[in-house]
Amino acid sequence: MRNLNQLRKESMKLVLAKNTRKSDAKSVELEDLYRKFSEDKRSIFYFAPTNAHKDMLKAVDFFKEKGHTAYLDEVRVSTDEKDFLYELHII
């Protein structure tokens, strides 16, 4: 039987970065993200800064538990500290 933390990680939703300022924010669950990574071989995903940093680190741990290497970076889009995106790179 899986422990409670494992279930929380799998059902956690993260908000993806918007493609444009006018587009709606979309969220994705970790299992769906893993499926997209496995099927499409996409390895870089961008997330909104509204996600908690702790949740982003949990996403990195999730992919490491699946046997992959994952890196989390903050991509600055201006000189303002609040203007950034999370970049999750999975290998």
N, C-alpha and C. Protein backbone atom coordinates (compact mmCIF):
# COMPACT_ATOMS: atom_id res chain seq x y z
N MET A 1 0.84 -1.19 0.00
CA MET A 1 0.00 0.00 0.00
C MET A 1 0.89 1.25 0.00
N ARG A 2 0.52 2.21 -0.82
CA ARG A 2 1.31 3.43 -0.91
C ARG A 2 1.09 4.30 0.31
N ASN A 3 2.13 5.05 0.66
CA ASN A 3 1.97 5.94 1.80
C ASN A 3 1.23 7.21 1.36
N LEU A 4 0.78 7.99 2.32
CA LEU A 4 -0.03 9.17 2.06
C LEU A 4 0.74 10.24 1.29
N ASN A 5 2.02 10.41 1.59
CA ASN A 5 2.83 11.41 0.86
C ASN A 5 2.92 11.07 -0.62
N GLN A 6 3.05 9.80 -0.95
CA GLN A 6 3.12 9.39 -2.36
C GLN A 6 1.82 9.74 -3.08
N LEU A 7 0.69 9.52 -2.45
CA LEU A 7 -0.59 9.86 -3.06
C LEU A 7 -0.73 11.36 -3.25
N ARG A 8 -0.27 12.14 -2.30
CA ARG A 8 -0.34 13.60 -2.42
C ARG A 8 0.51 14.10 -3.57
N LYS A 9 1.69 13.52 -3.75
CA LYS A 9 2.57 13.95 -4.84
C LYS A 9 1.94 13.67 -6.19
N GLU A 10 1.31 12.51 -6.32
CA GLU A 10 0.74 12.14 -7.60
C GLU A 10 -0.48 12.96 -7.95
N SER A 11 -1.23 13.41 -6.96
CA SER A 11 -2.44 14.15 -7.25
C SER A 11 -2.21 15.67 -7.20
N MET A 12 -0.98 16.09 -6.99
CA MET A 12 -0.68 17.51 -6.91
C MET A 12 -0.81 18.16 -8.28
N LYS A 13 -1.44 19.34 -8.29
CA LYS A 13 -1.60 20.09 -9.54
C LYS A 13 -0.65 21.27 -9.53
N LEU A 14 -0.06 21.52 -10.69
CA LEU A 14 0.82 22.66 -10.88
C LEU A 14 0.27 23.52 -12.01
N VAL A 15 0.44 24.82 -11.88
CA VAL A 15 -0.05 25.75 -12.89
C VAL A 15 1.04 25.96 -13.94
N LEU A 16 0.68 25.70 -15.20
CA LEU A 16 1.62 25.90 -16.30
C LEU A 16 1.77 27.38 -16.60
N ALA A 17 2.89 27.75 -17.19
CA ALA A 17 3.10 29.14 -17.60
C ALA A 17 2.18 29.44 -18.78
N LYS A 18 1.73 30.68 -18.85
CA LYS A 18 0.87 31.10 -19.95
C LYS A 18 1.72 31.32 -21.20
N ASN A 19 1.12 31.04 -22.36
CA ASN A 19 1.80 31.31 -23.63
C ASN A 19 1.78 32.80 -23.96
N THR A 20 0.69 33.47 -23.60
CA THR A 20 0.56 34.91 -23.79
C THR A 20 -0.05 35.50 -22.53
N ARG A 21 0.01 36.80 -22.41
CA ARG A 21 -0.57 37.45 -21.22
C ARG A 21 -2.08 37.28 -21.15
N LYS A 22 -2.73 37.17 -22.30
CA LYS A 22 -4.19 37.09 -22.35
C LYS A 22 -4.71 35.66 -22.23
N SER A 23 -3.87 34.68 -22.38
CA SER A 23 -4.34 33.30 -22.31
C SER A 23 -4.67 32.90 -20.88
N ASP A 24 -5.53 31.91 -20.75
CA ASP A 24 -5.94 31.43 -19.44
C ASP A 24 -4.87 30.51 -18.86
N ALA A 25 -4.77 30.52 -17.54
CA ALA A 25 -3.83 29.63 -16.86
C ALA A 25 -4.37 28.21 -16.88
N LYS A 26 -3.51 27.26 -17.17
CA LYS A 26 -3.89 25.85 -17.19
C LYS A 26 -3.09 25.12 -16.13
N SER A 27 -3.71 24.13 -15.53
CA SER A 27 -2.99 23.34 -14.53
C SER A 27 -2.87 21.90 -15.02
N VAL A 28 -1.90 21.21 -14.47
CA VAL A 28 -1.63 19.83 -14.86
C VAL A 28 -1.26 19.04 -13.61
N GLU A 29 -1.69 17.79 -13.56
CA GLU A 29 -1.31 16.90 -12.47
C GLU A 29 0.01 16.24 -12.81
N LEU A 30 0.74 15.83 -11.80
CA LEU A 30 2.06 15.24 -12.03
C LEU A 30 2.00 13.98 -12.88
N GLU A 31 1.01 13.14 -12.66
CA GLU A 31 0.89 11.91 -13.46
C GLU A 31 0.65 12.24 -14.93
N ASP A 32 -0.17 13.27 -15.20
CA ASP A 32 -0.40 13.68 -16.59
C ASP A 32 0.88 14.24 -17.20
N LEU A 33 1.63 14.97 -16.42
CA LEU A 33 2.90 15.52 -16.89
C LEU A 33 3.89 14.39 -17.20
N TYR A 34 3.91 13.39 -16.35
CA TYR A 34 4.79 12.24 -16.57
C TYR A 34 4.38 11.49 -17.84
N ARG A 35 3.08 11.34 -18.05
CA ARG A 35 2.58 10.68 -19.24
C ARG A 35 2.99 11.45 -20.51
N LYS A 36 2.87 12.78 -20.46
CA LYS A 36 3.26 13.61 -21.60
C LYS A 36 4.76 13.49 -21.85
N PHE A 37 5.54 13.45 -20.79
CA PHE A 37 6.99 13.28 -20.92
C PHE A 37 7.31 11.93 -21.55
N SER A 38 6.64 10.88 -21.12
CA SER A 38 6.91 9.53 -21.62
C SER A 38 6.48 9.35 -23.07
N GLU A 39 5.32 9.89 -23.41
CA GLU A 39 4.77 9.68 -24.76
C GLU A 39 5.38 10.62 -25.79
N ASP A 40 5.45 11.89 -25.48
CA ASP A 40 5.88 12.90 -26.46
C ASP A 40 7.37 13.17 -26.43
N LYS A 41 8.05 12.64 -25.44
CA LYS A 41 9.48 12.88 -25.24
C LYS A 41 9.79 14.36 -25.06
N ARG A 42 8.80 15.12 -24.58
CA ARG A 42 9.07 16.52 -24.21
C ARG A 42 9.79 16.50 -22.88
N SER A 43 10.84 17.27 -22.76
CA SER A 43 11.61 17.19 -21.53
C SER A 43 11.71 18.51 -20.77
N ILE A 44 11.25 19.61 -21.36
CA ILE A 44 11.30 20.90 -20.68
C ILE A 44 9.89 21.45 -20.56
N PHE A 45 9.52 21.80 -19.34
CA PHE A 45 8.20 22.34 -19.06
C PHE A 45 8.36 23.65 -18.29
N TYR A 46 7.47 24.59 -18.56
CA TYR A 46 7.52 25.90 -17.90
C TYR A 46 6.28 26.08 -17.04
N PHE A 47 6.48 26.59 -15.83
CA PHE A 47 5.40 26.75 -14.86
C PHE A 47 5.31 28.18 -14.37
N ALA A 48 4.12 28.55 -13.95
CA ALA A 48 3.85 29.90 -13.46
C ALA A 48 4.53 30.12 -12.11
N PRO A 49 4.88 31.37 -11.83
CA PRO A 49 5.51 31.68 -10.54
C PRO A 49 4.52 31.60 -9.37
N THR A 50 3.25 31.39 -9.66
CA THR A 50 2.25 31.26 -8.59
C THR A 50 2.36 29.92 -7.87
N ASN A 51 3.06 28.96 -8.47
CA ASN A 51 3.29 27.68 -7.80
C ASN A 51 4.24 27.89 -6.63
N ALA A 52 3.98 27.20 -5.55
CA ALA A 52 4.88 27.27 -4.40
C ALA A 52 6.21 26.59 -4.76
N HIS A 53 7.30 27.19 -4.33
CA HIS A 53 8.62 26.63 -4.62
C HIS A 53 8.72 25.21 -4.04
N LYS A 54 8.12 25.01 -2.90
CA LYS A 54 8.12 23.70 -2.25
C LYS A 54 7.42 22.66 -3.13
N ASP A 55 6.33 23.05 -3.79
CA ASP A 55 5.63 22.14 -4.69
C ASP A 55 6.47 21.81 -5.92
N MET A 56 7.21 22.79 -6.40
CA MET A 56 8.08 22.55 -7.55
C MET A 56 9.19 21.57 -7.18
N LEU A 57 9.71 21.69 -5.96
CA LEU A 57 10.73 20.74 -5.50
C LEU A 57 10.14 19.34 -5.35
N LYS A 58 8.88 19.26 -4.96
CA LYS A 58 8.20 17.96 -4.87
C LYS A 58 8.06 17.34 -6.26
N ALA A 59 7.84 18.17 -7.27
CA ALA A 59 7.75 17.67 -8.64
C ALA A 59 9.10 17.09 -9.08
N VAL A 60 10.19 17.75 -8.71
CA VAL A 60 11.53 17.23 -9.02
C VAL A 60 11.71 15.87 -8.35
N ASP A 61 11.34 15.76 -7.08
CA ASP A 61 11.45 14.49 -6.36
C ASP A 61 10.58 13.41 -7.00
N PHE A 62 9.41 13.79 -7.48
CA PHE A 62 8.50 12.84 -8.14
C PHE A 62 9.19 12.19 -9.34
N PHE A 63 9.84 13.00 -10.18
CA PHE A 63 10.51 12.45 -11.36
C PHE A 63 11.76 11.67 -10.98
N LYS A 64 12.43 12.06 -9.93
CA LYS A 64 13.59 11.29 -9.47
C LYS A 64 13.16 9.92 -8.97
N GLU A 65 12.01 9.86 -8.30
CA GLU A 65 11.49 8.57 -7.82
C GLU A 65 11.10 7.67 -8.99
N LYS A 66 10.77 8.26 -10.12
CA LYS A 66 10.42 7.50 -11.32
C LYS A 66 11.66 7.06 -12.09
N GLY A 67 12.85 7.42 -11.59
CA GLY A 67 14.09 6.99 -12.21
C GLY A 67 14.69 7.96 -13.21
N HIS A 68 14.24 9.20 -13.21
CA HIS A 68 14.77 10.21 -14.12
C HIS A 68 15.56 11.26 -13.35
N THR A 69 16.35 12.01 -14.06
CA THR A 69 17.04 13.16 -13.48
C THR A 69 16.22 14.39 -13.81
N ALA A 70 15.99 15.24 -12.83
CA ALA A 70 15.19 16.45 -13.04
C ALA A 70 15.91 17.65 -12.43
N TYR A 71 15.84 18.76 -13.15
CA TYR A 71 16.45 20.01 -12.71
C TYR A 71 15.39 21.10 -12.68
N LEU A 72 15.46 21.95 -11.68
CA LEU A 72 14.53 23.07 -11.56
C LEU A 72 15.32 24.37 -11.59
N ASP A 73 14.92 25.26 -12.48
CA ASP A 73 15.57 26.57 -12.58
C ASP A 73 14.50 27.65 -12.59
N GLU A 74 14.92 28.86 -12.24
CA GLU A 74 14.06 30.03 -12.37
C GLU A 74 14.56 30.82 -13.57
N VAL A 75 13.69 31.06 -14.52
CA VAL A 75 14.04 31.82 -15.71
C VAL A 75 13.51 33.23 -15.52
N ARG A 76 14.41 34.20 -15.46
CA ARG A 76 14.03 35.61 -15.28
C ARG A 76 13.60 36.19 -16.62
N VAL A 77 12.45 36.88 -16.63
CA VAL A 77 11.96 37.48 -17.87
C VAL A 77 12.09 39.00 -17.86
N SER A 78 12.53 39.57 -16.75
CA SER A 78 12.82 41.00 -16.66
C SER A 78 13.73 41.22 -15.45
N THR A 79 14.01 42.48 -15.17
CA THR A 79 14.87 42.77 -14.03
C THR A 79 14.12 42.72 -12.70
N ASP A 80 12.81 42.69 -12.75
CA ASP A 80 11.99 42.59 -11.55
C ASP A 80 12.07 41.16 -11.01
N GLU A 81 12.30 41.02 -9.71
CA GLU A 81 12.44 39.70 -9.10
C GLU A 81 11.17 38.86 -9.20
N LYS A 82 10.03 39.50 -9.34
CA LYS A 82 8.76 38.78 -9.40
C LYS A 82 8.46 38.24 -10.80
N ASP A 83 9.18 38.71 -11.80
CA ASP A 83 8.95 38.27 -13.17
C ASP A 83 9.87 37.12 -13.53
N PHE A 84 9.39 35.92 -13.27
CA PHE A 84 10.17 34.72 -13.59
C PHE A 84 9.21 33.58 -13.90
N LEU A 85 9.75 32.53 -14.46
CA LEU A 85 9.04 31.28 -14.70
C LEU A 85 9.88 30.17 -14.10
N TYR A 86 9.21 29.11 -13.69
CA TYR A 86 9.94 27.91 -13.28
C TYR A 86 10.15 27.06 -14.53
N GLU A 87 11.36 26.55 -14.68
CA GLU A 87 11.68 25.66 -15.78
C GLU A 87 12.04 24.30 -15.18
N LEU A 88 11.31 23.28 -15.57
CA LEU A 88 11.57 21.92 -15.11
C LEU A 88 12.11 21.13 -16.29
N HIS A 89 13.35 20.67 -16.18
CA HIS A 89 14.00 19.91 -17.23
C HIS A 89 14.15 18.48 -16.74
N ILE A 90 13.59 17.55 -17.50
CA ILE A 90 13.59 16.13 -17.12
C ILE A 90 14.43 15.36 -18.13
N ILE A 91 15.34 14.54 -17.62
CA ILE A 91 16.21 13.74 -18.50
C ILE A 91 15.96 12.27 -18.19
